[in-house]
PDB file of N, CA and C in Angstrom:
ATOM      1  N   UNK A   1      89.052 144.728  93.063  1.00  0.00           N
ATOM      2  CA  UNK A   1      89.166 145.567  94.238  1.00  0.00           C
ATOM      3  C   UNK A   1      87.751 145.808  94.775  1.00  0.00           C
ATOM      4  N   UNK A   2      87.520 145.549  96.037  1.00  0.00           N
ATOM      5  CA  UNK A   2      86.174 145.713  96.605  1.00  0.00           C
ATOM      6  C   UNK A   2      85.805 147.187  96.755  1.00  0.00           C
ATOM      7  N   UNK A   3      84.520 147.469  96.587  1.00  0.00           N
ATOM      8  CA  UNK A   3      84.043 148.840  96.747  1.00  0.00           C
ATOM      9  C   UNK A   3      83.548 149.056  98.173  1.00  0.00           C
ATOM     10  N   UNK A   4      83.382 150.310  98.533  1.00  0.00           N
ATOM     11  CA  UNK A   4      82.918 150.653  99.875  1.00  0.00           C
ATOM     12  C   UNK A   4      81.403 150.507  99.912  1.00  0.00           C
ATOM     13  N   UNK A   5      80.912 149.723 100.855  1.00  0.00           N
ATOM     14  CA  UNK A   5      79.483 149.465 100.980  1.00  0.00           C
ATOM     15  C   UNK A   5      78.818 150.429 101.954  1.00  0.00           C
ATOM     16  N   UNK A   6      77.562 150.165 102.228  1.00  0.00           N
ATOM     17  CA  UNK A   6      76.760 151.026 103.100  1.00  0.00           C
ATOM     18  C   UNK A   6      77.276 151.089 104.531  1.00  0.00           C
ATOM     19  N   UNK A   7      77.630 149.936 105.094  1.00  0.00           N
ATOM     20  CA  UNK A   7      78.102 149.924 106.479  1.00  0.00           C
ATOM     21  C   UNK A   7      79.420 150.680 106.630  1.00  0.00           C
ATOM     22  N   UNK A   8      80.266 150.578 105.639  1.00  0.00           N
ATOM     23  CA  UNK A   8      81.550 151.286 105.710  1.00  0.00           C
ATOM     24  C   UNK A   8      81.330 152.800 105.700  1.00  0.00           C
ATOM     25  N   UNK A   9      80.390 153.281 104.861  1.00  0.00           N
ATOM     26  CA  UNK A   9      80.089 154.714 104.825  1.00  0.00           C
ATOM     27  C   UNK A   9      79.512 155.180 106.154  1.00  0.00           C
ATOM     28  N   UNK A  10      78.676 154.371 106.772  1.00  0.00           N
ATOM     29  CA  UNK A  10      78.099 154.740 108.072  1.00  0.00           C
ATOM     30  C   UNK A  10      79.190 154.842 109.122  1.00  0.00           C
ATOM     31  N   UNK A  11      80.109 153.900 109.125  1.00  0.00           N
ATOM     32  CA  UNK A  11      81.210 153.932 110.099  1.00  0.00           C
ATOM     33  C   UNK A  11      82.081 155.161 109.869  1.00  0.00           C
ATOM     34  N   UNK A  12      82.385 155.469 108.616  1.00  0.00           N
ATOM     35  CA  UNK A  12      83.195 156.650 108.307  1.00  0.00           C
ATOM     36  C   UNK A  12      82.475 157.911 108.761  1.00  0.00           C
ATOM     37  N   UNK A  13      81.171 158.009 108.502  1.00  0.00           N
ATOM     38  CA  UNK A  13      80.390 159.175 108.911  1.00  0.00           C
ATOM     39  C   UNK A  13      80.378 159.336 110.424  1.00  0.00           C
ATOM     40  N   UNK A  14      80.226 158.256 111.161  1.00  0.00           N
ATOM     41  CA  UNK A  14      80.231 158.311 112.628  1.00  0.00           C
ATOM     42  C   UNK A  14      81.593 158.785 113.127  1.00  0.00           C
ATOM     43  N   UNK A  15      82.658 158.297 112.548  1.00  0.00           N
ATOM     44  CA  UNK A  15      84.003 158.716 112.971  1.00  0.00           C
ATOM     45  C   UNK A  15      84.208 160.199 112.689  1.00  0.00           C
ATOM     46  N   UNK A  16      83.759 160.680 111.535  1.00  0.00           N
ATOM     47  CA  UNK A  16      83.897 162.095 111.200  1.00  0.00           C
ATOM     48  C   UNK A  16      83.095 162.950 112.173  1.00  0.00           C
ATOM     49  N   UNK A  17      81.884 162.523 112.522  1.00  0.00           N
ATOM     50  CA  UNK A  17      81.069 163.280 113.481  1.00  0.00           C
ATOM     51  C   UNK A  17      81.730 163.306 114.848  1.00  0.00           C
ATOM     52  N   UNK A  18      82.327 162.200 115.260  1.00  0.00           N
ATOM     53  CA  UNK A  18      83.010 162.167 116.558  1.00  0.00           C
ATOM     54  C   UNK A  18      84.214 163.102 116.552  1.00  0.00           C
ATOM     55  N   UNK A  19      84.977 163.117 115.465  1.00  0.00           N
ATOM     56  CA  UNK A  19      86.194 163.936 115.419  1.00  0.00           C
ATOM     57  C   UNK A  19      85.862 165.422 115.318  1.00  0.00           C
ATOM     58  N   UNK A  20      84.991 165.802 114.384  1.00  0.00           N
ATOM     59  CA  UNK A  20      84.757 167.216 114.104  1.00  0.00           C
ATOM     60  C   UNK A  20      83.531 167.784 114.813  1.00  0.00           C
ATOM     61  N   UNK A  21      82.590 166.970 115.173  1.00  0.00           N
ATOM     62  CA  UNK A  21      81.369 167.463 115.797  1.00  0.00           C
ATOM     63  C   UNK A  21      80.347 167.876 114.752  1.00  0.00           C
ATOM     64  N   UNK A  22      79.096 167.937 115.170  1.00  0.00           N
ATOM     65  CA  UNK A  22      78.011 168.224 114.241  1.00  0.00           C
ATOM     66  C   UNK A  22      78.063 169.670 113.765  1.00  0.00           C
ATOM     67  N   UNK A  23      78.495 170.594 114.610  1.00  0.00           N
ATOM     68  CA  UNK A  23      78.522 172.009 114.242  1.00  0.00           C
ATOM     69  C   UNK A  23      79.512 172.343 113.147  1.00  0.00           C
ATOM     70  N   UNK A  24      80.594 171.603 113.046  1.00  0.00           N
ATOM     71  CA  UNK A  24      81.640 171.885 112.055  1.00  0.00           C
ATOM     72  C   UNK A  24      81.356 171.261 110.698  1.00  0.00           C
ATOM     73  N   UNK A  25      80.435 170.304 110.623  1.00  0.00           N
ATOM     74  CA  UNK A  25      80.210 169.585 109.374  1.00  0.00           C
ATOM     75  C   UNK A  25      79.790 170.486 108.214  1.00  0.00           C
ATOM     76  N   UNK A  26      78.860 171.450 108.383  1.00  0.00           N
ATOM     77  CA  UNK A  26      78.527 172.318 107.245  1.00  0.00           C
ATOM     78  C   UNK A  26      79.718 173.135 106.747  1.00  0.00           C
ATOM     79  N   UNK A  27      80.551 173.590 107.669  1.00  0.00           N
ATOM     80  CA  UNK A  27      81.739 174.364 107.286  1.00  0.00           C
ATOM     81  C   UNK A  27      82.726 173.499 106.506  1.00  0.00           C
ATOM     82  N   UNK A  28      82.924 172.278 106.956  1.00  0.00           N
ATOM     83  CA  UNK A  28      83.839 171.362 106.279  1.00  0.00           C
ATOM     84  C   UNK A  28      83.288 170.989 104.905  1.00  0.00           C
ATOM     85  N   UNK A  29      81.982 170.735 104.835  1.00  0.00           N
ATOM     86  CA  UNK A  29      81.359 170.405 103.562  1.00  0.00           C
ATOM     87  C   UNK A  29      81.453 171.542 102.565  1.00  0.00           C
ATOM     88  N   UNK A  30      81.253 172.769 103.038  1.00  0.00           N
ATOM     89  CA  UNK A  30      81.366 173.929 102.156  1.00  0.00           C
ATOM     90  C   UNK A  30      82.774 174.117 101.640  1.00  0.00           C
ATOM     91  N   UNK A  31      83.747 173.952 102.521  1.00  0.00           N
ATOM     92  CA  UNK A  31      85.147 174.096 102.105  1.00  0.00           C
ATOM     93  C   UNK A  31      85.534 172.998 101.121  1.00  0.00           C
ATOM     94  N   UNK A  32      85.052 171.784 101.355  1.00  0.00           N
ATOM     95  CA  UNK A  32      85.355 170.682 100.448  1.00  0.00           C
ATOM     96  C   UNK A  32      84.707 170.917  99.085  1.00  0.00           C
ATOM     97  N   UNK A  33      83.465 171.365  99.085  1.00  0.00           N
ATOM     98  CA  UNK A  33      82.778 171.656  97.819  1.00  0.00           C
ATOM     99  C   UNK A  33      83.455 172.772  97.043  1.00  0.00           C
ATOM    100  N   UNK A  34      83.898 173.807  97.750  1.00  0.00           N
ATOM    101  CA  UNK A  34      84.578 174.920  97.096  1.00  0.00           C
ATOM    102  C   UNK A  34      85.900 174.467  96.478  1.00  0.00           C
ATOM    103  N   UNK A  35      86.650 173.642  97.201  1.00  0.00           N
ATOM    104  CA  UNK A  35      87.933 173.184  96.674  1.00  0.00           C
ATOM    105  C   UNK A  35      87.737 172.266  95.469  1.00  0.00           C
ATOM    106  N   UNK A  36      86.696 171.427  95.481  1.00  0.00           N
ATOM    107  CA  UNK A  36      86.420 170.565  94.330  1.00  0.00           C
ATOM    108  C   UNK A  36      86.009 171.411  93.132  1.00  0.00           C
ATOM    109  N   UNK A  37      85.173 172.436  93.354  1.00  0.00           N
ATOM    110  CA  UNK A  37      84.734 173.318  92.280  1.00  0.00           C
ATOM    111  C   UNK A  37      85.927 174.047  91.663  1.00  0.00           C
ATOM    112  N   UNK A  38      86.828 174.573  92.497  1.00  0.00           N
ATOM    113  CA  UNK A  38      88.006 175.276  91.989  1.00  0.00           C
ATOM    114  C   UNK A  38      88.916 174.331  91.209  1.00  0.00           C
ATOM    115  N   UNK A  39      89.037 173.107  91.686  1.00  0.00           N
ATOM    116  CA  UNK A  39      89.870 172.128  90.982  1.00  0.00           C
ATOM    117  C   UNK A  39      89.297 171.827  89.613  1.00  0.00           C
ATOM    118  N   UNK A  40      87.983 171.639  89.532  1.00  0.00           N
ATOM    119  CA  UNK A  40      87.351 171.355  88.244  1.00  0.00           C
ATOM    120  C   UNK A  40      87.490 172.526  87.288  1.00  0.00           C
ATOM    121  N   UNK A  41      87.328 173.750  87.791  1.00  0.00           N
ATOM    122  CA  UNK A  41      87.474 174.929  86.937  1.00  0.00           C
ATOM    123  C   UNK A  41      88.896 175.072  86.425  1.00  0.00           C
ATOM    124  N   UNK A  42      89.863 174.823  87.291  1.00  0.00           N
ATOM    125  CA  UNK A  42      91.252 174.973  86.867  1.00  0.00           C
ATOM    126  C   UNK A  42      91.673 173.867  85.905  1.00  0.00           C
ATOM    127  N   UNK A  43      91.122 172.676  86.060  1.00  0.00           N
ATOM    128  CA  UNK A  43      91.480 171.598  85.144  1.00  0.00           C
ATOM    129  C   UNK A  43      90.741 171.725  83.819  1.00  0.00           C
ATOM    130  N   UNK A  44      89.616 172.449  83.781  1.00  0.00           N
ATOM    131  CA  UNK A  44      88.863 172.622  82.543  1.00  0.00           C
ATOM    132  C   UNK A  44      89.458 173.710  81.661  1.00  0.00           C
ATOM    133  N   UNK A  45      90.111 174.705  82.247  1.00  0.00           N
ATOM    134  CA  UNK A  45      90.690 175.794  81.469  1.00  0.00           C
ATOM    135  C   UNK A  45      92.128 175.445  81.094  1.00  0.00           C
ATOM    136  N   UNK A  46      92.556 175.819  79.885  1.00  0.00           N
ATOM    137  CA  UNK A  46      93.939 175.543  79.481  1.00  0.00           C
ATOM    138  C   UNK A  46      94.913 176.424  80.274  1.00  0.00           C
ATOM    139  N   UNK A  47      96.116 175.932  80.403  1.00  0.00           N
ATOM    140  CA  UNK A  47      97.137 176.694  81.126  1.00  0.00           C
ATOM    141  C   UNK A  47      97.579 177.884  80.295  1.00  0.00           C
ATOM    142  N   UNK A  48      97.644 179.039  80.943  1.00  0.00           N
ATOM    143  CA  UNK A  48      98.139 180.256  80.297  1.00  0.00           C
ATOM    144  C   UNK A  48      99.457 180.631  80.960  1.00  0.00           C
ATOM    145  N   UNK A  49     100.545 180.451  80.252  1.00  0.00           N
ATOM    146  CA  UNK A  49     101.845 180.813  80.813  1.00  0.00           C
ATOM    147  C   UNK A  49     102.057 182.311  80.650  1.00  0.00           C
ATOM    148  N   UNK A  50     101.890 183.044  81.756  1.00  0.00           N
ATOM    149  CA  UNK A  50     102.063 184.485  81.711  1.00  0.00           C
ATOM    150  C   UNK A  50     100.903 185.185  81.046  1.00  0.00           C
ATOM    151  N   UNK A  51      99.731 184.688  81.178  1.00  0.00           N
ATOM    152  CA  UNK A  51      98.549 185.242  80.522  1.00  0.00           C
ATOM    153  C   UNK A  51      98.176 186.597  81.078  1.00  0.00           C
ATOM    154  N   UNK A  52      97.011 186.733  81.613  1.00  0.00           N
ATOM    155  CA  UNK A  52      96.518 188.033  82.062  1.00  0.00           C
ATOM    156  C   UNK A  52      97.274 188.542  83.278  1.00  0.00           C
ATOM    157  N   UNK A  53      97.845 187.662  84.086  1.00  0.00           N
ATOM    158  CA  UNK A  53      98.576 188.118  85.265  1.00  0.00           C
ATOM    159  C   UNK A  53      99.781 188.962  84.874  1.00  0.00           C
ATOM    160  N   UNK A  54     100.497 188.551  83.850  1.00  0.00           N
ATOM    161  CA  UNK A  54     101.653 189.310  83.402  1.00  0.00           C
ATOM    162  C   UNK A  54     101.261 190.645  82.809  1.00  0.00           C
ATOM    163  N   UNK A  55     100.162 190.688  82.103  1.00  0.00           N
ATOM    164  CA  UNK A  55      99.700 191.937  81.502  1.00  0.00           C
ATOM    165  C   UNK A  55      99.271 192.923  82.578  1.00  0.00           C
ATOM    166  N   UNK A  56      98.584 192.428  83.605  1.00  0.00           N
ATOM    167  CA  UNK A  56      98.130 193.313  84.679  1.00  0.00           C
ATOM    168  C   UNK A  56      99.307 193.892  85.442  1.00  0.00           C
ATOM    169  N   UNK A  57     100.319 193.073  85.717  1.00  0.00           N
ATOM    170  CA  UNK A  57     101.454 193.588  86.462  1.00  0.00           C
ATOM    171  C   UNK A  57     102.243 194.602  85.638  1.00  0.00           C
ATOM    172  N   UNK A  58     102.280 194.415  84.310  1.00  0.00           N
ATOM    173  CA  UNK A  58     102.991 195.375  83.462  1.00  0.00           C
ATOM    174  C   UNK A  58     102.265 196.703  83.442  1.00  0.00           C
ATOM    175  N   UNK A  59     100.935 196.688  83.404  1.00  0.00           N
ATOM    176  CA  UNK A  59     100.188 197.957  83.394  1.00  0.00           C
ATOM    177  C   UNK A  59     100.292 198.657  84.737  1.00  0.00           C
ATOM    178  N   UNK A  60     100.392 197.917  85.805  1.00  0.00           N
ATOM    179  CA  UNK A  60     100.552 198.530  87.123  1.00  0.00           C
ATOM    180  C   UNK A  60     101.906 199.200  87.230  1.00  0.00           C
ATOM    181  N   UNK A  61     102.952 198.558  86.682  1.00  0.00           N
ATOM    182  CA  UNK A  61     104.291 199.115  86.746  1.00  0.00           C
ATOM    183  C   UNK A  61     104.380 200.417  85.946  1.00  0.00           C
ATOM    184  N   UNK A  62     103.747 200.499  84.788  1.00  0.00           N
ATOM    185  CA  UNK A  62     103.823 201.709  83.980  1.00  0.00           C
ATOM    186  C   UNK A  62     103.017 202.841  84.616  1.00  0.00           C
ATOM    187  N   UNK A  63     101.905 202.501  85.283  1.00  0.00           N
ATOM    188  CA  UNK A  63     101.113 203.552  85.918  1.00  0.00           C
ATOM    189  C   UNK A  63     101.828 204.131  87.135  1.00  0.00           C
ATOM    190  N   UNK A  64     102.564 203.312  87.846  1.00  0.00           N
ATOM    191  CA  UNK A  64     103.237 203.796  89.043  1.00  0.00           C
ATOM    192  C   UNK A  64     104.415 204.720  88.694  1.00  0.00           C
ATOM    193  N   UNK A  65     105.009 204.554  87.491  1.00  0.00           N
ATOM    194  CA  UNK A  65     106.136 205.406  87.089  1.00  0.00           C
ATOM    195  C   UNK A  65     105.691 206.770  86.601  1.00  0.00           C
ATOM    196  N   UNK A  66     104.465 206.880  86.148  1.00  0.00           N
ATOM    197  CA  UNK A  66     103.988 208.144  85.568  1.00  0.00           C
ATOM    198  C   UNK A  66     103.726 209.195  86.592  1.00  0.00           C
TER     199      UNK A  66
END
């Protein structure tokens, strides 16, 4: 399978600049970086079925009844 070369990246970058404009690029880059960071953090931590979220909701329910 062929890889993407330099000219292909330049063409993709030009198309993105035409579609979104230069002013939006930092915002899009920040949002993309944040989503990648969150994905890596969530995939690095083990799944907790009913972990701290369930405990917090139970303590809120008991405090509201008192």
